[in-house]
C-alpha atoms as a PDB file:
ATOM      1  CA  UNK A   1      12.473   2.349 -12.293  1.00  0.00           C
ATOM      2  CA  UNK A   2      15.022   2.919 -10.192  1.00  0.00           C
ATOM      3  CA  UNK A   3      18.698   0.761 -11.283  1.00  0.00           C
ATOM      4  CA  UNK A   4      20.316  -1.162  -8.231  1.00  0.00           C
ATOM      5  CA  UNK A   5      23.082   1.569  -8.423  1.00  0.00           C
ATOM      6  CA  UNK A   6      21.288   3.954  -7.854  1.00  0.00           C
ATOM      7  CA  UNK A   7      19.371   2.341  -4.925  1.00  0.00           C
ATOM      8  CA  UNK A   8      23.188   1.603  -3.752  1.00  0.00           C
ATOM      9  CA  UNK A   9      24.198   4.910  -3.587  1.00  0.00           C
ATOM     10  CA  UNK A  10      21.060   5.850  -1.074  1.00  0.00           C
ATOM     11  CA  UNK A  11      23.012   5.560   1.983  1.00  0.00           C
ATOM     12  CA  UNK A  12      21.267   8.337   4.151  1.00  0.00           C
ATOM     13  CA  UNK A  13      18.661   8.015   6.096  1.00  0.00           C
ATOM     14  CA  UNK A  14      16.516  10.304   8.058  1.00  0.00           C
ATOM     15  CA  UNK A  15      14.055   9.945  10.459  1.00  0.00           C
ATOM     16  CA  UNK A  16      10.335  11.570  10.396  1.00  0.00           C
ATOM     17  CA  UNK A  17       7.740  12.202  12.789  1.00  0.00           C
ATOM     18  CA  UNK A  18       4.175  11.872  11.457  1.00  0.00           C
ATOM     19  CA  UNK A  19       1.159  12.400  13.537  1.00  0.00           C
ATOM     20  CA  UNK A  20      -1.108   9.109  12.600  1.00  0.00           C
ATOM     21  CA  UNK A  21      -2.947  10.958   9.850  1.00  0.00           C
ATOM     22  CA  UNK A  22      -0.080  12.350   8.256  1.00  0.00           C
ATOM     23  CA  UNK A  23       1.325   9.303   7.561  1.00  0.00           C
ATOM     24  CA  UNK A  24      -1.717   7.549   6.261  1.00  0.00           C
ATOM     25  CA  UNK A  25      -2.238  10.155   4.011  1.00  0.00           C
ATOM     26  CA  UNK A  26       1.638   9.698   2.760  1.00  0.00           C
ATOM     27  CA  UNK A  27       1.541   6.034   2.770  1.00  0.00           C
ATOM     28  CA  UNK A  28      -2.388   5.986   0.622  1.00  0.00           C
ATOM     29  CA  UNK A  29      -0.520   8.815  -1.823  1.00  0.00           C
ATOM     30  CA  UNK A  30       2.690   6.797  -2.275  1.00  0.00           C
ATOM     31  CA  UNK A  31      -0.108   3.446  -2.544  1.00  0.00           C
ATOM     32  CA  UNK A  32      -1.847   5.272  -5.551  1.00  0.00           C
ATOM     33  CA  UNK A  33       1.707   6.612  -7.345  1.00  0.00           C
ATOM     34  CA  UNK A  34       2.750   2.639  -6.806  1.00  0.00           C
ATOM     35  CA  UNK A  35       6.261   3.381  -4.903  1.00  0.00           C
ATOM     36  CA  UNK A  36       7.285   3.314  -1.801  1.00  0.00           C
ATOM     37  CA  UNK A  37       6.452   5.799   1.118  1.00  0.00           C
ATOM     38  CA  UNK A  38      10.608   6.452   1.023  1.00  0.00           C
ATOM     39  CA  UNK A  39      10.452   6.892  -2.869  1.00  0.00           C
ATOM     40  CA  UNK A  40       7.374   9.210  -2.353  1.00  0.00           C
ATOM     41  CA  UNK A  41       8.850  11.135  -0.412  1.00  0.00           C
ATOM     42  CA  UNK A  42      12.076  11.092  -1.816  1.00  0.00           C
ATOM     43  CA  UNK A  43      10.477  12.572  -6.013  1.00  0.00           C
ATOM     44  CA  UNK A  44       8.602  15.169  -3.484  1.00  0.00           C
ATOM     45  CA  UNK A  45      11.544  16.939  -1.781  1.00  0.00           C
ATOM     46  CA  UNK A  46      13.293  16.534  -5.266  1.00  0.00           C
ATOM     47  CA  UNK A  47      10.201  17.927  -7.536  1.00  0.00           C
ATOM     48  CA  UNK A  48      10.349  14.511  -9.344  1.00  0.00           C
ATOM     49  CA  UNK A  49       7.506  13.904 -11.111  1.00  0.00           C
ATOM     50  CA  UNK A  50       4.735  11.352  -9.386  1.00  0.00           C
ATOM     51  CA  UNK A  51       2.623   9.357 -11.931  1.00  0.00           C
ATOM     52  CA  UNK A  52      -0.547   7.619 -10.232  1.00  0.00           C
ATOM     53  CA  UNK A  53      -0.749   3.513 -11.024  1.00  0.00           C
ATOM     54  CA  UNK A  54      -3.827   4.356 -12.844  1.00  0.00           C
ATOM     55  CA  UNK A  55      -2.609   6.800 -15.227  1.00  0.00           C
ATOM     56  CA  UNK A  56       0.645   4.338 -15.849  1.00  0.00           C
ATOM     57  CA  UNK A  57      -1.895   2.354 -17.059  1.00  0.00           C
ATOM     58  CA  UNK A  58      -3.648   4.538 -19.340  1.00  0.00           C
ATOM     59  CA  UNK A  59      -0.475   5.869 -20.253  1.00  0.00           C
ATOM     60  CA  UNK A  60       0.915   2.789 -21.213  1.00  0.00           C
ATOM     61  CA  UNK A  61      -2.848   1.673 -23.834  1.00  0.00           C
ATOM     62  CA  UNK A  62      -2.477   5.580 -24.918  1.00  0.00           C
ATOM     63  CA  UNK A  63       1.185   4.399 -26.481  1.00  0.00           C
ATOM     64  CA  UNK A  64       0.427   1.056 -28.169  1.00  0.00           C
ATOM     65  CA  UNK A  65      -3.194   2.511 -29.723  1.00  0.00           C
ATOM     66  CA  UNK A  66      -0.403   4.905 -30.725  1.00  0.00           C
ATOM     67  CA  UNK A  67       1.911   2.049 -32.672  1.00  0.00           C
ATOM     68  CA  UNK A  68      -1.238   0.271 -34.005  1.00  0.00           C
ATOM     69  CA  UNK A  69      -2.376   3.423 -35.825  1.00  0.00           C
ATOM     70  CA  UNK A  70       0.792   3.815 -36.843  1.00  0.00           C
ATOM     71  CA  UNK A  71       1.392   0.572 -38.150  1.00  0.00           C
ATOM     72  CA  UNK A  72      -1.912   0.519 -39.808  1.00  0.00           C
ATOM     73  CA  UNK A  73      -2.094   3.767 -41.066  1.00  0.00           C
ATOM     74  CA  UNK A  74       1.614   4.328 -41.915  1.00  0.00           C
ATOM     75  CA  UNK A  75       4.076   5.162 -44.540  1.00  0.00           C
ATOM     76  CA  UNK A  76       3.425   1.427 -46.286  1.00  0.00           C
ATOM     77  CA  UNK A  77      -0.409   1.667 -45.852  1.00  0.00           C
ATOM     78  CA  UNK A  78      -1.841   1.090 -48.958  1.00  0.00           C
ATOM     79  CA  UNK A  79      -5.341   2.896 -50.824  1.00  0.00           C
ATOM     80  CA  UNK A  80      -4.876   5.551 -48.441  1.00  0.00           C
ATOM     81  CA  UNK A  81      -5.588   8.945 -49.540  1.00  0.00           C
ATOM     82  CA  UNK A  82      -2.670  11.718 -48.448  1.00  0.00           C
ATOM     83  CA  UNK A  83      -5.548  13.633 -46.289  1.00  0.00           C
ATOM     84  CA  UNK A  84      -6.409  10.334 -44.515  1.00  0.00           C
ATOM     85  CA  UNK A  85      -2.917   9.723 -43.272  1.00  0.00           C
ATOM     86  CA  UNK A  86      -2.309  13.032 -42.080  1.00  0.00           C
ATOM     87  CA  UNK A  87      -5.709  12.521 -39.968  1.00  0.00           C
ATOM     88  CA  UNK A  88      -4.154   9.080 -38.704  1.00  0.00           C
ATOM     89  CA  UNK A  89      -0.785  11.106 -38.356  1.00  0.00           C
ATOM     90  CA  UNK A  90      -2.858  13.386 -36.009  1.00  0.00           C
ATOM     91  CA  UNK A  91      -4.267  10.992 -34.304  1.00  0.00           C
ATOM     92  CA  UNK A  92      -1.245   9.290 -33.580  1.00  0.00           C
ATOM     93  CA  UNK A  93      -0.018  13.045 -32.224  1.00  0.00           C
ATOM     94  CA  UNK A  94      -2.833  13.322 -30.494  1.00  0.00           C
ATOM     95  CA  UNK A  95      -2.870  10.283 -28.052  1.00  0.00           C
ATOM     96  CA  UNK A  96       1.092  11.326 -27.753  1.00  0.00           C
ATOM     97  CA  UNK A  97       0.049  14.583 -26.353  1.00  0.00           C
ATOM     98  CA  UNK A  98      -2.442  12.752 -23.658  1.00  0.00           C
ATOM     99  CA  UNK A  99       0.677  10.319 -22.685  1.00  0.00           C
ATOM    100  CA  UNK A 100       3.060  13.112 -22.223  1.00  0.00           C
ATOM    101  CA  UNK A 101       0.531  15.445 -20.256  1.00  0.00           C
ATOM    102  CA  UNK A 102      -0.266  12.365 -17.947  1.00  0.00           C
ATOM    103  CA  UNK A 103       3.284  11.945 -17.193  1.00  0.00           C
ATOM    104  CA  UNK A 104       3.583  15.546 -16.329  1.00  0.00           C
ATOM    105  CA  UNK A 105       6.142  16.016 -19.525  1.00  0.00           C
ATOM    106  CA  UNK A 106       5.038  18.733 -21.646  1.00  0.00           C
ATOM    107  CA  UNK A 107       3.841  17.508 -24.973  1.00  0.00           C
END
């Protein structure tokens, strides 16, 4: 989400002519990304990442799972072999990589 300061700095306006079909498509894509049409056009034009709402929810769940695994199998976990701790950490890293890939960032 952008801050109010960034929002206030947007002083320029530009009118775009669309066909009815083009506008419907753009609105649908903006809705899928969970942003306004203006924000959608800005992000596409400036090549900023756009993440669908469903992907945002998946990213949050992946990160939550990673945090739970860290908590359960972290440094203070007792009764685990070093190999088991490495396996748990590998799962955390895989979840993090998947979340970053969905967010459009390099893992």
